[in-house]
Amino acid sequence: MDAQLLLKELKRKFELSTDRELAEQTGIGLSTINSWKNNGTLTEKQVANLLHKAVEKGGEIALQNGIQPIVEFYPITHTESKQGARWEMLSNDDEENSYEIEMKEVLQDNNGIYLFYSSTGHVIYAGKAQRMTLWDEMNSAFNRKRFPQKAFLVDHPTNSQFKPAYEKLRDIKVRNVYLFEIAHYFSAYYTHDALIINLEAFLIRALANDLTNSRMEKIKSWGG
């Protein structure tokens, strides 16, 4: 096989411009690439070695880049949506800071896994965003009732005149709480699509007794 033509085609496929970049992408040493170019042709063994190295390098790159942090332990601002229909994690003020505007854009452009934390920084919910973006999925989860989580609370009206409890006693009742009532921080991670399901399942299974997730996820086996 013509070495020059093969290396040229590999650069085109990987969208690379130099031999050094090709060496980093495939795991083949730069000195080996130079030797192939000088010899002019490649044996079947050399081509097989190239394929083997490239597969190994691909696996290494996937492991290194399969999950990347976007934002960690960011404080939640419990904000009503502009229509007042639900709650959002961050301010929706048109004059909000550019940091949060840019954060939203990144979350809207990525899929992955996310975590919600209590006021003391303990994980209380883990989820995945695979079909929807991280921003949409996280805000959806933020508004769900946590059925395993119950608390004794008082429902206080906001549209009537206040009366002290000694004049109008309001019952303390147990009720399900929403995630937005108990979550104070969140983290979000870009995750390669092939890893999302098992990473979420791992988090839920590993933290099963700390989370308010209502369903126990299963880790899918290879080929399953």
N, C-alpha and C. Protein backbone atom coordinates (compact mmCIF):
# COMPACT_ATOMS: atom_id res chain seq x y z
N MET A 1 0.84 -1.20 0.00
CA MET A 1 0.00 0.00 0.00
C MET A 1 0.87 1.25 0.00
N ASP A 2 0.48 2.26 -0.79
CA ASP A 2 1.26 3.49 -0.88
C ASP A 2 1.14 4.29 0.42
N ALA A 3 2.25 4.49 1.11
CA ALA A 3 2.25 5.15 2.43
C ALA A 3 1.79 6.60 2.33
N GLN A 4 2.28 7.32 1.32
CA GLN A 4 1.94 8.74 1.17
C GLN A 4 0.44 8.93 0.98
N LEU A 5 -0.15 8.09 0.11
CA LEU A 5 -1.58 8.20 -0.16
C LEU A 5 -2.41 7.86 1.09
N LEU A 6 -1.98 6.82 1.81
CA LEU A 6 -2.70 6.43 3.01
C LEU A 6 -2.66 7.53 4.07
N LEU A 7 -1.47 8.10 4.31
CA LEU A 7 -1.34 9.16 5.32
C LEU A 7 -2.13 10.40 4.92
N LYS A 8 -2.12 10.71 3.63
CA LYS A 8 -2.89 11.86 3.14
C LYS A 8 -4.39 11.64 3.38
N GLU A 9 -4.86 10.43 3.11
CA GLU A 9 -6.28 10.12 3.30
C GLU A 9 -6.66 10.14 4.77
N LEU A 10 -5.76 9.66 5.63
CA LEU A 10 -6.03 9.69 7.07
C LEU A 10 -6.15 11.13 7.58
N LYS A 11 -5.28 12.00 7.11
CA LYS A 11 -5.36 13.42 7.51
C LYS A 11 -6.68 14.03 7.05
N ARG A 12 -7.11 13.66 5.85
CA ARG A 12 -8.38 14.19 5.35
C ARG A 12 -9.55 13.70 6.19
N LYS A 13 -9.54 12.42 6.54
CA LYS A 13 -10.63 11.85 7.33
C LYS A 13 -10.69 12.47 8.72
N PHE A 14 -9.52 12.66 9.33
CA PHE A 14 -9.46 13.22 10.69
C PHE A 14 -9.46 14.76 10.69
N GLU A 15 -9.44 15.35 9.49
CA GLU A 15 -9.41 16.81 9.34
C GLU A 15 -8.18 17.40 10.04
N LEU A 16 -7.02 16.82 9.72
CA LEU A 16 -5.74 17.25 10.29
C LEU A 16 -4.87 17.82 9.19
N SER A 17 -3.86 18.59 9.60
CA SER A 17 -3.01 19.22 8.60
C SER A 17 -1.54 18.80 8.69
N THR A 18 -1.11 18.24 9.84
CA THR A 18 0.31 17.90 10.00
C THR A 18 0.49 16.44 10.41
N ASP A 19 1.69 15.95 10.19
CA ASP A 19 2.02 14.59 10.63
C ASP A 19 1.98 14.48 12.15
N ARG A 20 2.40 15.53 12.81
CA ARG A 20 2.39 15.51 14.28
C ARG A 20 0.96 15.33 14.82
N GLU A 21 0.02 16.05 14.23
CA GLU A 21 -1.38 15.92 14.64
C GLU A 21 -1.89 14.51 14.37
N LEU A 22 -1.48 13.94 13.23
CA LEU A 22 -1.89 12.58 12.90
C LEU A 22 -1.31 11.59 13.90
N ALA A 23 -0.07 11.79 14.31
CA ALA A 23 0.56 10.92 15.29
C ALA A 23 -0.20 10.96 16.62
N GLU A 24 -0.60 12.15 17.04
CA GLU A 24 -1.34 12.30 18.29
C GLU A 24 -2.72 11.65 18.19
N GLN A 25 -3.34 11.73 17.01
CA GLN A 25 -4.70 11.21 16.83
C GLN A 25 -4.72 9.69 16.77
N THR A 26 -3.69 9.08 16.16
CA THR A 26 -3.70 7.64 15.92
C THR A 26 -2.86 6.84 16.90
N GLY A 27 -1.95 7.51 17.62
CA GLY A 27 -1.09 6.78 18.53
C GLY A 27 0.15 6.23 17.87
N ILE A 28 0.29 6.45 16.57
CA ILE A 28 1.50 6.04 15.85
C ILE A 28 2.57 7.10 16.05
N GLY A 29 3.79 6.70 16.38
CA GLY A 29 4.86 7.65 16.63
C GLY A 29 5.21 8.47 15.39
N LEU A 30 5.62 9.71 15.60
CA LEU A 30 5.99 10.56 14.48
C LEU A 30 7.17 9.98 13.70
N SER A 31 8.10 9.36 14.43
CA SER A 31 9.25 8.74 13.76
C SER A 31 8.80 7.59 12.86
N THR A 32 7.78 6.84 13.30
CA THR A 32 7.24 5.74 12.49
C THR A 32 6.59 6.29 11.23
N ILE A 33 5.84 7.37 11.36
CA ILE A 33 5.21 7.98 10.18
C ILE A 33 6.26 8.44 9.19
N ASN A 34 7.33 9.07 9.69
CA ASN A 34 8.40 9.52 8.80
C ASN A 34 9.08 8.34 8.11
N SER A 35 9.22 7.24 8.85
CA SER A 35 9.85 6.05 8.27
C SER A 35 8.98 5.48 7.16
N TRP A 36 7.66 5.45 7.38
CA TRP A 36 6.73 4.95 6.36
C TRP A 36 6.82 5.81 5.10
N LYS A 37 6.90 7.11 5.29
CA LYS A 37 6.96 8.01 4.14
C LYS A 37 8.25 7.80 3.36
N ASN A 38 9.34 7.55 4.06
CA ASN A 38 10.64 7.34 3.40
C ASN A 38 10.66 6.02 2.64
N ASN A 39 10.03 5.00 3.23
CA ASN A 39 10.02 3.68 2.59
C ASN A 39 9.08 3.63 1.38
N GLY A 40 8.04 4.45 1.42
CA GLY A 40 7.15 4.55 0.27
C GLY A 40 5.97 3.61 0.29
N THR A 41 6.14 2.41 0.82
CA THR A 41 5.04 1.44 0.86
C THR A 41 4.90 0.85 2.26
N LEU A 42 3.71 0.33 2.52
CA LEU A 42 3.43 -0.30 3.81
C LEU A 42 3.07 -1.76 3.61
N THR A 43 3.55 -2.58 4.52
CA THR A 43 3.19 -3.99 4.50
C THR A 43 1.84 -4.19 5.18
N GLU A 44 1.27 -5.38 4.99
CA GLU A 44 0.00 -5.69 5.66
C GLU A 44 0.15 -5.61 7.17
N LYS A 45 1.30 -6.02 7.69
CA LYS A 45 1.55 -5.97 9.13
C LYS A 45 1.57 -4.53 9.64
N GLN A 46 2.17 -3.64 8.86
CA GLN A 46 2.23 -2.24 9.28
C GLN A 46 0.84 -1.60 9.27
N VAL A 47 0.02 -1.93 8.28
CA VAL A 47 -1.35 -1.41 8.22
C VAL A 47 -2.16 -1.94 9.41
N ALA A 48 -1.99 -3.24 9.71
CA ALA A 48 -2.68 -3.83 10.85
C ALA A 48 -2.24 -3.16 12.15
N ASN A 49 -0.96 -2.86 12.27
CA ASN A 49 -0.44 -2.18 13.46
C ASN A 49 -1.04 -0.78 13.58
N LEU A 50 -1.19 -0.09 12.44
CA LEU A 50 -1.81 1.23 12.45
C LEU A 50 -3.25 1.15 12.95
N LEU A 51 -4.00 0.20 12.46
CA LEU A 51 -5.39 0.04 12.90
C LEU A 51 -5.48 -0.27 14.39
N HIS A 52 -4.60 -1.15 14.86
CA HIS A 52 -4.60 -1.53 16.27
C HIS A 52 -4.28 -0.33 17.15
N LYS A 53 -3.27 0.43 16.77
CA LYS A 53 -2.89 1.62 17.54
C LYS A 53 -4.00 2.65 17.55
N ALA A 54 -4.65 2.83 16.38
CA ALA A 54 -5.72 3.83 16.27
C ALA A 54 -6.91 3.47 17.15
N VAL A 55 -7.25 2.16 17.21
CA VAL A 55 -8.35 1.72 18.07
C VAL A 55 -8.01 1.98 19.54
N GLU A 56 -6.79 1.64 19.94
CA GLU A 56 -6.36 1.88 21.32
C GLU A 56 -6.39 3.37 21.65
N LYS A 57 -5.91 4.19 20.73
CA LYS A 57 -5.88 5.63 20.96
C LYS A 57 -7.29 6.20 21.03
N GLY A 58 -8.18 5.68 20.19
CA GLY A 58 -9.57 6.13 20.22
C GLY A 58 -10.23 5.84 21.56
N GLY A 59 -9.94 4.65 22.11
CA GLY A 59 -10.47 4.32 23.43
C GLY A 59 -9.92 5.22 24.51
N GLU A 60 -8.64 5.55 24.40
CA GLU A 60 -8.00 6.45 25.38
C GLU A 60 -8.63 7.85 25.33
N ILE A 61 -8.81 8.35 24.11
CA ILE A 61 -9.41 9.68 23.95
C ILE A 61 -10.84 9.69 24.48
N ALA A 62 -11.59 8.61 24.21
CA ALA A 62 -12.97 8.53 24.68
C ALA A 62 -13.04 8.55 26.21
N LEU A 63 -12.12 7.85 26.85
CA LEU A 63 -12.11 7.82 28.31
C LEU A 63 -11.74 9.19 28.89
N GLN A 64 -10.83 9.89 28.22
CA GLN A 64 -10.39 11.19 28.71
C GLN A 64 -11.44 12.27 28.51
N ASN A 65 -12.21 12.16 27.43
CA ASN A 65 -13.14 13.23 27.08
C ASN A 65 -14.61 12.83 27.17
N GLY A 66 -14.88 11.61 27.62
CA GLY A 66 -16.25 11.13 27.67
C GLY A 66 -17.12 11.88 28.66
N ILE A 67 -16.51 12.46 29.69
CA ILE A 67 -17.26 13.28 30.65
C ILE A 67 -16.41 14.48 31.02
N GLN A 68 -17.02 15.66 30.91
CA GLN A 68 -16.32 16.91 31.19
C GLN A 68 -17.22 17.83 32.01
N PRO A 69 -16.70 18.45 33.06
CA PRO A 69 -17.53 19.33 33.87
C PRO A 69 -17.90 20.62 33.14
N ILE A 70 -19.15 21.02 33.28
CA ILE A 70 -19.60 22.31 32.75
C ILE A 70 -19.67 23.33 33.87
N VAL A 71 -20.34 22.97 34.96
CA VAL A 71 -20.42 23.84 36.13
C VAL A 71 -20.64 22.96 37.36
N GLU A 72 -20.03 23.32 38.48
CA GLU A 72 -20.12 22.48 39.68
C GLU A 72 -20.50 23.32 40.89
N PHE A 73 -21.42 22.79 41.68
CA PHE A 73 -21.87 23.41 42.92
C PHE A 73 -22.27 24.88 42.71
N TYR A 74 -23.07 25.12 41.68
CA TYR A 74 -23.50 26.49 41.44
C TYR A 74 -24.75 26.78 42.26
N PRO A 75 -24.81 27.92 42.97
CA PRO A 75 -25.97 28.22 43.81
C PRO A 75 -27.22 28.49 42.97
N ILE A 76 -28.33 27.93 43.41
CA ILE A 76 -29.60 28.06 42.70
C ILE A 76 -30.33 29.33 43.14
N THR A 77 -30.87 30.05 42.17
CA THR A 77 -31.75 31.18 42.46
C THR A 77 -33.17 30.73 42.15
N HIS A 78 -33.98 30.53 43.18
CA HIS A 78 -35.35 30.04 42.98
C HIS A 78 -36.18 31.17 42.36
N THR A 79 -36.41 31.07 41.05
CA THR A 79 -37.04 32.15 40.30
C THR A 79 -38.28 31.65 39.57
N GLU A 80 -39.37 32.38 39.69
CA GLU A 80 -40.57 32.05 38.93
C GLU A 80 -40.32 32.31 37.45
N SER A 81 -40.84 31.43 36.59
CA SER A 81 -40.74 31.66 35.16
C SER A 81 -41.51 32.93 34.79
N LYS A 82 -41.23 33.47 33.61
CA LYS A 82 -41.84 34.73 33.22
C LYS A 82 -43.37 34.62 33.13
N GLN A 83 -43.87 33.43 32.86
CA GLN A 83 -45.31 33.22 32.82
C GLN A 83 -45.88 32.85 34.19
N GLY A 84 -44.98 32.63 35.16
CA GLY A 84 -45.41 32.27 36.50
C GLY A 84 -45.92 30.85 36.63
N ALA A 85 -45.64 30.01 35.61
CA ALA A 85 -46.18 28.64 35.62
C ALA A 85 -45.30 27.66 36.37
N ARG A 86 -44.03 27.98 36.54
CA ARG A 86 -43.13 27.05 37.21
C ARG A 86 -41.93 27.82 37.74
N TRP A 87 -40.99 27.06 38.32
CA TRP A 87 -39.79 27.66 38.87
C TRP A 87 -38.58 27.33 38.01
N GLU A 88 -37.63 28.24 37.96
CA GLU A 88 -36.39 28.02 37.24
C GLU A 88 -35.22 28.12 38.20
N MET A 89 -34.08 27.54 37.77
CA MET A 89 -32.91 27.44 38.65
C MET A 89 -32.14 28.75 38.75
N LEU A 90 -32.22 29.56 37.70
CA LEU A 90 -31.45 30.80 37.64
C LEU A 90 -32.37 31.97 37.36
N SER A 91 -31.90 33.15 37.62
CA SER A 91 -32.69 34.35 37.39
C SER A 91 -33.05 34.49 35.91
N ASN A 92 -34.28 34.95 35.64
CA ASN A 92 -34.67 35.21 34.26
C ASN A 92 -34.77 36.70 33.98
N ASP A 93 -34.14 37.47 34.83
CA ASP A 93 -34.09 38.92 34.65
C ASP A 93 -33.31 39.26 33.37
N ASP A 94 -33.86 40.18 32.58
CA ASP A 94 -33.20 40.56 31.33
C ASP A 94 -31.84 41.22 31.57
N GLU A 95 -31.61 41.68 32.79
CA GLU A 95 -30.35 42.34 33.11
C GLU A 95 -29.43 41.45 33.93
N GLU A 96 -29.67 40.12 33.88
CA GLU A 96 -28.84 39.19 34.63
C GLU A 96 -27.40 39.24 34.15
N ASN A 97 -26.49 38.73 34.96
CA ASN A 97 -25.07 38.85 34.61
C ASN A 97 -24.70 37.93 33.44
N SER A 98 -23.68 38.33 32.72
CA SER A 98 -23.28 37.60 31.52
C SER A 98 -22.79 36.19 31.84
N TYR A 99 -22.28 35.99 33.05
CA TYR A 99 -21.80 34.67 33.46
C TYR A 99 -22.93 33.64 33.37
N GLU A 100 -24.10 33.99 33.91
CA GLU A 100 -25.22 33.06 33.89
C GLU A 100 -25.83 32.95 32.50
N ILE A 101 -25.83 34.03 31.72
CA ILE A 101 -26.33 33.96 30.36
C ILE A 101 -25.51 32.96 29.55
N GLU A 102 -24.20 33.05 29.66
CA GLU A 102 -23.32 32.15 28.92
C GLU A 102 -23.42 30.72 29.46
N MET A 103 -23.62 30.58 30.78
CA MET A 103 -23.80 29.25 31.36
C MET A 103 -25.04 28.58 30.78
N LYS A 104 -26.14 29.32 30.70
CA LYS A 104 -27.38 28.78 30.13
C LYS A 104 -27.17 28.33 28.69
N GLU A 105 -26.44 29.12 27.92
CA GLU A 105 -26.21 28.77 26.53
C GLU A 105 -25.46 27.45 26.40
N VAL A 106 -24.46 27.25 27.27
CA VAL A 106 -23.72 25.99 27.24
C VAL A 106 -24.62 24.82 27.65
N LEU A 107 -25.42 25.02 28.69
CA LEU A 107 -26.33 23.97 29.14
C LEU A 107 -27.40 23.66 28.09
N GLN A 108 -27.79 24.67 27.31
CA GLN A 108 -28.78 24.48 26.25
C GLN A 108 -28.18 23.77 25.04
N ASP A 109 -26.86 23.73 24.95
CA ASP A 109 -26.19 23.13 23.80
C ASP A 109 -25.65 21.73 24.07
N ASN A 110 -25.83 21.24 25.30
CA ASN A 110 -25.20 19.97 25.66
C ASN A 110 -26.16 19.00 26.34
N ASN A 111 -25.81 17.73 26.23
CA ASN A 111 -26.48 16.65 26.96
C ASN A 111 -25.51 16.13 28.01
N GLY A 112 -26.02 15.34 28.94
CA GLY A 112 -25.12 14.78 29.95
C GLY A 112 -25.84 14.37 31.21
N ILE A 113 -25.15 14.50 32.33
CA ILE A 113 -25.73 14.15 33.62
C ILE A 113 -25.64 15.36 34.55
N TYR A 114 -26.49 15.35 35.58
CA TYR A 114 -26.52 16.50 36.49
C TYR A 114 -26.87 16.04 37.90
N LEU A 115 -26.57 16.89 38.85
CA LEU A 115 -26.81 16.60 40.26
C LEU A 115 -27.41 17.83 40.93
N PHE A 116 -28.33 17.60 41.86
CA PHE A 116 -28.83 18.65 42.73
C PHE A 116 -28.37 18.37 44.15
N TYR A 117 -28.10 19.44 44.90
CA TYR A 117 -27.58 19.31 46.26
C TYR A 117 -28.45 20.07 47.25
N SER A 118 -28.40 19.61 48.48
CA SER A 118 -29.10 20.29 49.57
C SER A 118 -28.33 21.53 49.98
N SER A 119 -28.84 22.26 50.96
CA SER A 119 -28.18 23.48 51.43
C SER A 119 -26.83 23.19 52.06
N THR A 120 -26.61 21.94 52.48
CA THR A 120 -25.33 21.56 53.08
C THR A 120 -24.39 20.90 52.09
N GLY A 121 -24.79 20.88 50.79
CA GLY A 121 -23.92 20.35 49.75
C GLY A 121 -23.99 18.85 49.56
N HIS A 122 -25.01 18.19 50.11
CA HIS A 122 -25.16 16.75 49.93
C HIS A 122 -26.04 16.47 48.71
N VAL A 123 -25.67 15.47 47.93
CA VAL A 123 -26.44 15.12 46.74
C VAL A 123 -27.83 14.63 47.14
N ILE A 124 -28.88 15.19 46.51
CA ILE A 124 -30.24 14.75 46.79
C ILE A 124 -30.96 14.25 45.55
N TYR A 125 -30.39 14.51 44.36
CA TYR A 125 -31.03 14.03 43.14
C TYR A 125 -29.99 13.93 42.03
N ALA A 126 -30.05 12.85 41.26
CA ALA A 126 -29.17 12.65 40.11
C ALA A 126 -30.02 12.35 38.89
N GLY A 127 -29.66 12.94 37.75
CA GLY A 127 -30.45 12.71 36.55
C GLY A 127 -29.61 12.79 35.29
N LYS A 128 -30.24 12.43 34.17
CA LYS A 128 -29.57 12.46 32.87
C LYS A 128 -30.37 13.34 31.92
N ALA A 129 -29.67 13.94 30.99
CA ALA A 129 -30.30 14.72 29.92
C ALA A 129 -29.81 14.14 28.61
N GLN A 130 -30.63 13.28 28.02
CA GLN A 130 -30.23 12.60 26.79
C GLN A 130 -31.10 13.03 25.62
N ARG A 131 -32.40 13.00 25.80
CA ARG A 131 -33.30 13.44 24.73
C ARG A 131 -33.44 14.95 24.72
N MET A 132 -33.45 15.55 25.90
CA MET A 132 -33.52 17.00 26.03
C MET A 132 -32.15 17.54 26.40
N THR A 133 -31.98 18.84 26.28
CA THR A 133 -30.72 19.45 26.69
C THR A 133 -30.63 19.46 28.20
N LEU A 134 -29.43 19.69 28.71
CA LEU A 134 -29.24 19.77 30.16
C LEU A 134 -30.13 20.85 30.78
N TRP A 135 -30.20 22.02 30.17
CA TRP A 135 -31.00 23.12 30.73
C TRP A 135 -32.48 22.73 30.81
N ASP A 136 -33.03 22.18 29.73
CA ASP A 136 -34.45 21.83 29.72
C ASP A 136 -34.76 20.70 30.69
N GLU A 137 -33.92 19.68 30.70
CA GLU A 137 -34.15 18.53 31.58
C GLU A 137 -34.01 18.91 33.04
N MET A 138 -33.00 19.71 33.36
CA MET A 138 -32.78 20.10 34.76
C MET A 138 -33.92 20.95 35.29
N ASN A 139 -34.43 21.86 34.47
CA ASN A 139 -35.55 22.68 34.91
C ASN A 139 -36.83 21.87 35.03
N SER A 140 -36.98 20.86 34.18
CA SER A 140 -38.12 19.96 34.29
C SER A 140 -38.07 19.19 35.60
N ALA A 141 -36.91 18.62 35.90
CA ALA A 141 -36.74 17.88 37.16
C ALA A 141 -36.92 18.79 38.37
N PHE A 142 -36.48 20.02 38.23
CA PHE A 142 -36.55 21.00 39.31
C PHE A 142 -37.98 21.22 39.79
N ASN A 143 -38.96 20.99 38.90
CA ASN A 143 -40.37 21.24 39.23
C ASN A 143 -41.17 19.99 39.55
N ARG A 144 -40.51 18.85 39.66
CA ARG A 144 -41.22 17.61 39.98
C ARG A 144 -41.34 17.42 41.48
N LYS A 145 -42.45 16.85 41.90
CA LYS A 145 -42.59 16.49 43.31
C LYS A 145 -41.69 15.31 43.61
N ARG A 146 -41.05 15.36 44.77
CA ARG A 146 -40.19 14.26 45.18
C ARG A 146 -41.00 13.33 46.06
N PHE A 147 -41.60 12.32 45.47
CA PHE A 147 -42.52 11.48 46.21
C PHE A 147 -41.89 10.75 47.41
N PRO A 148 -40.62 10.35 47.34
CA PRO A 148 -40.05 9.74 48.55
C PRO A 148 -39.77 10.77 49.65
N GLN A 149 -39.75 12.07 49.28
CA GLN A 149 -39.37 13.10 50.24
C GLN A 149 -40.62 13.76 50.81
N LYS A 150 -40.82 13.62 52.10
CA LYS A 150 -41.97 14.23 52.76
C LYS A 150 -41.46 15.14 53.88
N ALA A 151 -42.24 16.16 54.17
CA ALA A 151 -41.85 17.10 55.22
C ALA A 151 -43.11 17.65 55.89
N PHE A 152 -43.02 17.94 57.19
CA PHE A 152 -44.09 18.61 57.90
C PHE A 152 -43.94 20.11 57.66
N LEU A 153 -44.94 20.70 57.00
CA LEU A 153 -44.88 22.10 56.62
C LEU A 153 -46.24 22.76 56.79
N VAL A 154 -46.22 24.08 56.72
CA VAL A 154 -47.45 24.87 56.76
C VAL A 154 -47.64 25.54 55.41
N ASP A 155 -48.82 25.43 54.85
CA ASP A 155 -49.13 26.13 53.61
C ASP A 155 -49.60 27.54 53.94
N HIS A 156 -48.78 28.51 53.64
CA HIS A 156 -49.10 29.90 53.94
C HIS A 156 -49.65 30.58 52.70
N PRO A 157 -50.81 31.23 52.80
CA PRO A 157 -51.34 31.97 51.65
C PRO A 157 -50.52 33.23 51.41
N THR A 158 -50.48 33.65 50.17
CA THR A 158 -49.73 34.87 49.84
C THR A 158 -50.64 35.97 49.30
N ASN A 159 -51.93 35.67 49.17
CA ASN A 159 -52.85 36.64 48.58
C ASN A 159 -53.94 37.08 49.56
N SER A 160 -53.67 36.98 50.84
CA SER A 160 -54.64 37.42 51.84
C SER A 160 -53.91 38.16 52.96
N GLN A 161 -54.67 38.79 53.79
CA GLN A 161 -54.09 39.56 54.89
C GLN A 161 -53.47 38.63 55.92
N PHE A 162 -52.28 38.99 56.40
CA PHE A 162 -51.61 38.16 57.40
C PHE A 162 -52.31 38.28 58.75
N LYS A 163 -52.47 37.12 59.37
CA LYS A 163 -52.97 37.08 60.73
C LYS A 163 -52.03 36.23 61.55
N PRO A 164 -51.63 36.68 62.72
CA PRO A 164 -50.72 35.88 63.54
C PRO A 164 -51.36 34.55 63.91
N ALA A 165 -50.51 33.57 64.16
CA ALA A 165 -51.01 32.21 64.41
C ALA A 165 -51.91 32.13 65.63
N TYR A 166 -51.76 33.07 66.59
CA TYR A 166 -52.63 32.99 67.76
C TYR A 166 -54.05 33.44 67.43
N GLU A 167 -54.24 34.08 66.25
CA GLU A 167 -55.58 34.44 65.82
C GLU A 167 -56.14 33.42 64.83
N LYS A 168 -55.27 32.91 63.95
CA LYS A 168 -55.70 31.90 62.98
C LYS A 168 -54.61 30.85 62.87
N LEU A 169 -54.80 29.76 63.54
CA LEU A 169 -53.81 28.70 63.56
C LEU A 169 -53.88 27.90 62.28
N ARG A 170 -52.74 27.75 61.63
CA ARG A 170 -52.69 26.96 60.40
C ARG A 170 -52.03 25.62 60.70
N ASP A 171 -52.64 24.56 60.17
CA ASP A 171 -52.19 23.20 60.48
C ASP A 171 -50.80 22.93 59.91
N ILE A 172 -50.02 22.20 60.67
CA ILE A 172 -48.75 21.66 60.17
C ILE A 172 -49.04 20.27 59.64
N LYS A 173 -48.88 20.11 58.32
CA LYS A 173 -49.26 18.85 57.67
C LYS A 173 -48.08 18.27 56.91
N VAL A 174 -48.07 16.94 56.84
CA VAL A 174 -47.04 16.28 56.04
C VAL A 174 -47.45 16.34 54.58
N ARG A 175 -46.51 16.65 53.71
CA ARG A 175 -46.79 16.69 52.28
C ARG A 175 -45.52 16.39 51.49
N ASN A 176 -45.71 16.01 50.24
CA ASN A 176 -44.58 15.83 49.34
C ASN A 176 -44.02 17.20 49.00
N VAL A 177 -42.72 17.27 48.83
CA VAL A 177 -42.09 18.54 48.50
C VAL A 177 -41.54 18.49 47.08
N TYR A 178 -41.42 19.65 46.48
CA TYR A 178 -40.83 19.76 45.16
C TYR A 178 -39.32 19.89 45.29
N LEU A 179 -38.64 19.52 44.22
CA LEU A 179 -37.18 19.62 44.24
C LEU A 179 -36.74 21.07 44.42
N PHE A 180 -37.49 22.01 43.83
CA PHE A 180 -37.09 23.41 43.96
C PHE A 180 -37.17 23.92 45.40
N GLU A 181 -37.90 23.20 46.26
CA GLU A 181 -38.01 23.60 47.65
C GLU A 181 -36.83 23.15 48.49
N ILE A 182 -36.10 22.14 48.01
CA ILE A 182 -35.03 21.57 48.84
C ILE A 182 -33.65 21.63 48.17
N ALA A 183 -33.60 21.96 46.87
CA ALA A 183 -32.31 22.01 46.16
C ALA A 183 -31.72 23.42 46.24
N HIS A 184 -30.42 23.49 46.56
CA HIS A 184 -29.76 24.79 46.70
C HIS A 184 -28.54 24.95 45.79
N TYR A 185 -28.02 23.85 45.25
CA TYR A 185 -26.88 23.91 44.34
C TYR A 185 -27.09 22.87 43.24
N PHE A 186 -26.40 23.06 42.12
CA PHE A 186 -26.43 22.04 41.07
C PHE A 186 -25.07 21.94 40.40
N SER A 187 -24.81 20.76 39.83
CA SER A 187 -23.64 20.52 38.99
C SER A 187 -24.12 19.90 37.68
N ALA A 188 -23.42 20.19 36.59
CA ALA A 188 -23.79 19.63 35.30
C ALA A 188 -22.52 19.23 34.56
N TYR A 189 -22.60 18.09 33.85
CA TYR A 189 -21.44 17.54 33.15
C TYR A 189 -21.81 17.15 31.73
N TYR A 190 -21.01 17.60 30.77
CA TYR A 190 -21.16 17.06 29.42
C TYR A 190 -20.76 15.59 29.48
N THR A 191 -21.56 14.74 28.86
CA THR A 191 -21.27 13.31 28.85
C THR A 191 -21.52 12.77 27.46
N HIS A 192 -20.59 11.98 26.95
CA HIS A 192 -20.80 11.34 25.65
C HIS A 192 -22.06 10.51 25.71
N ASP A 193 -22.81 10.53 24.62
CA ASP A 193 -24.12 9.87 24.59
C ASP A 193 -24.04 8.40 25.00
N ALA A 194 -22.96 7.72 24.62
CA ALA A 194 -22.83 6.29 24.93
C ALA A 194 -22.66 6.03 26.43
N LEU A 195 -22.28 7.06 27.20
CA LEU A 195 -22.01 6.89 28.63
C LEU A 195 -23.15 7.38 29.52
N ILE A 196 -24.07 8.17 28.98
CA ILE A 196 -25.06 8.86 29.81
C ILE A 196 -25.88 7.89 30.67
N ILE A 197 -26.44 6.86 30.06
CA ILE A 197 -27.35 5.96 30.78
C ILE A 197 -26.63 5.27 31.94
N ASN A 198 -25.45 4.72 31.68
CA ASN A 198 -24.75 3.98 32.73
C ASN A 198 -24.17 4.89 33.81
N LEU A 199 -23.76 6.10 33.44
CA LEU A 199 -23.26 7.02 34.46
C LEU A 199 -24.37 7.45 35.40
N GLU A 200 -25.55 7.74 34.85
CA GLU A 200 -26.68 8.08 35.72
C GLU A 200 -27.03 6.89 36.62
N ALA A 201 -27.08 5.70 36.04
CA ALA A 201 -27.41 4.50 36.82
C ALA A 201 -26.39 4.28 37.93
N PHE A 202 -25.12 4.48 37.62
CA PHE A 202 -24.08 4.32 38.63
C PHE A 202 -24.28 5.29 39.79
N LEU A 203 -24.55 6.56 39.49
CA LEU A 203 -24.73 7.55 40.55
C LEU A 203 -25.93 7.20 41.43
N ILE A 204 -27.03 6.82 40.80
CA ILE A 204 -28.24 6.50 41.57
C ILE A 204 -28.02 5.26 42.43
N ARG A 205 -27.35 4.26 41.88
CA ARG A 205 -27.12 3.03 42.65
C ARG A 205 -26.11 3.26 43.77
N ALA A 206 -25.08 4.06 43.49
CA ALA A 206 -24.05 4.29 44.50
C ALA A 206 -24.54 5.18 45.63
N LEU A 207 -25.49 6.08 45.33
CA LEU A 207 -25.99 7.03 46.34
C LEU A 207 -27.46 6.76 46.68
N ALA A 208 -27.87 5.51 46.54
CA ALA A 208 -29.30 5.17 46.62
C ALA A 208 -29.97 5.67 47.90
N ASN A 209 -29.30 5.63 49.02
CA ASN A 209 -29.94 5.98 50.29
C ASN A 209 -29.87 7.47 50.61
N ASP A 210 -29.23 8.23 49.74
CA ASP A 210 -29.14 9.67 49.95
C ASP A 210 -30.03 10.46 49.00
N LEU A 211 -30.50 9.82 47.92
CA LEU A 211 -31.21 10.53 46.87
C LEU A 211 -32.72 10.48 47.04
N THR A 212 -33.40 11.43 46.39
CA THR A 212 -34.86 11.42 46.36
C THR A 212 -35.38 10.83 45.05
N ASN A 213 -34.49 10.27 44.22
CA ASN A 213 -34.94 9.60 43.00
C ASN A 213 -35.91 8.49 43.35
N SER A 214 -36.99 8.40 42.59
CA SER A 214 -38.02 7.41 42.90
C SER A 214 -37.80 6.07 42.21
N ARG A 215 -36.87 6.00 41.27
CA ARG A 215 -36.66 4.76 40.52
C ARG A 215 -35.20 4.33 40.59
N MET A 216 -34.99 3.04 40.78
CA MET A 216 -33.64 2.48 40.77
C MET A 216 -33.27 2.09 39.34
N GLU A 217 -32.23 2.72 38.80
CA GLU A 217 -31.82 2.46 37.42
C GLU A 217 -30.93 1.23 37.35
N LYS A 218 -30.88 0.60 36.18
CA LYS A 218 -30.04 -0.57 35.94
C LYS A 218 -28.87 -0.19 35.05
N ILE A 219 -27.71 -0.77 35.35
CA ILE A 219 -26.54 -0.59 34.50
C ILE A 219 -26.62 -1.57 33.33
N LYS A 220 -26.58 -1.05 32.12
CA LYS A 220 -26.70 -1.90 30.94
C LYS A 220 -25.36 -2.55 30.63
N SER A 221 -25.40 -3.84 30.34
CA SER A 221 -24.18 -4.57 30.02
C SER A 221 -23.77 -4.33 28.58
N TRP A 222 -22.53 -4.65 28.25
CA TRP A 222 -22.03 -4.48 26.90
C TRP A 222 -22.89 -5.28 25.93
N GLY A 223 -23.41 -4.59 24.91
CA GLY A 223 -24.24 -5.25 23.92
C GLY A 223 -25.68 -5.42 24.37
N GLY A 224 -25.98 -4.99 25.63
CA GLY A 224 -27.35 -5.14 26.12
C GLY A 224 -28.19 -3.94 25.87
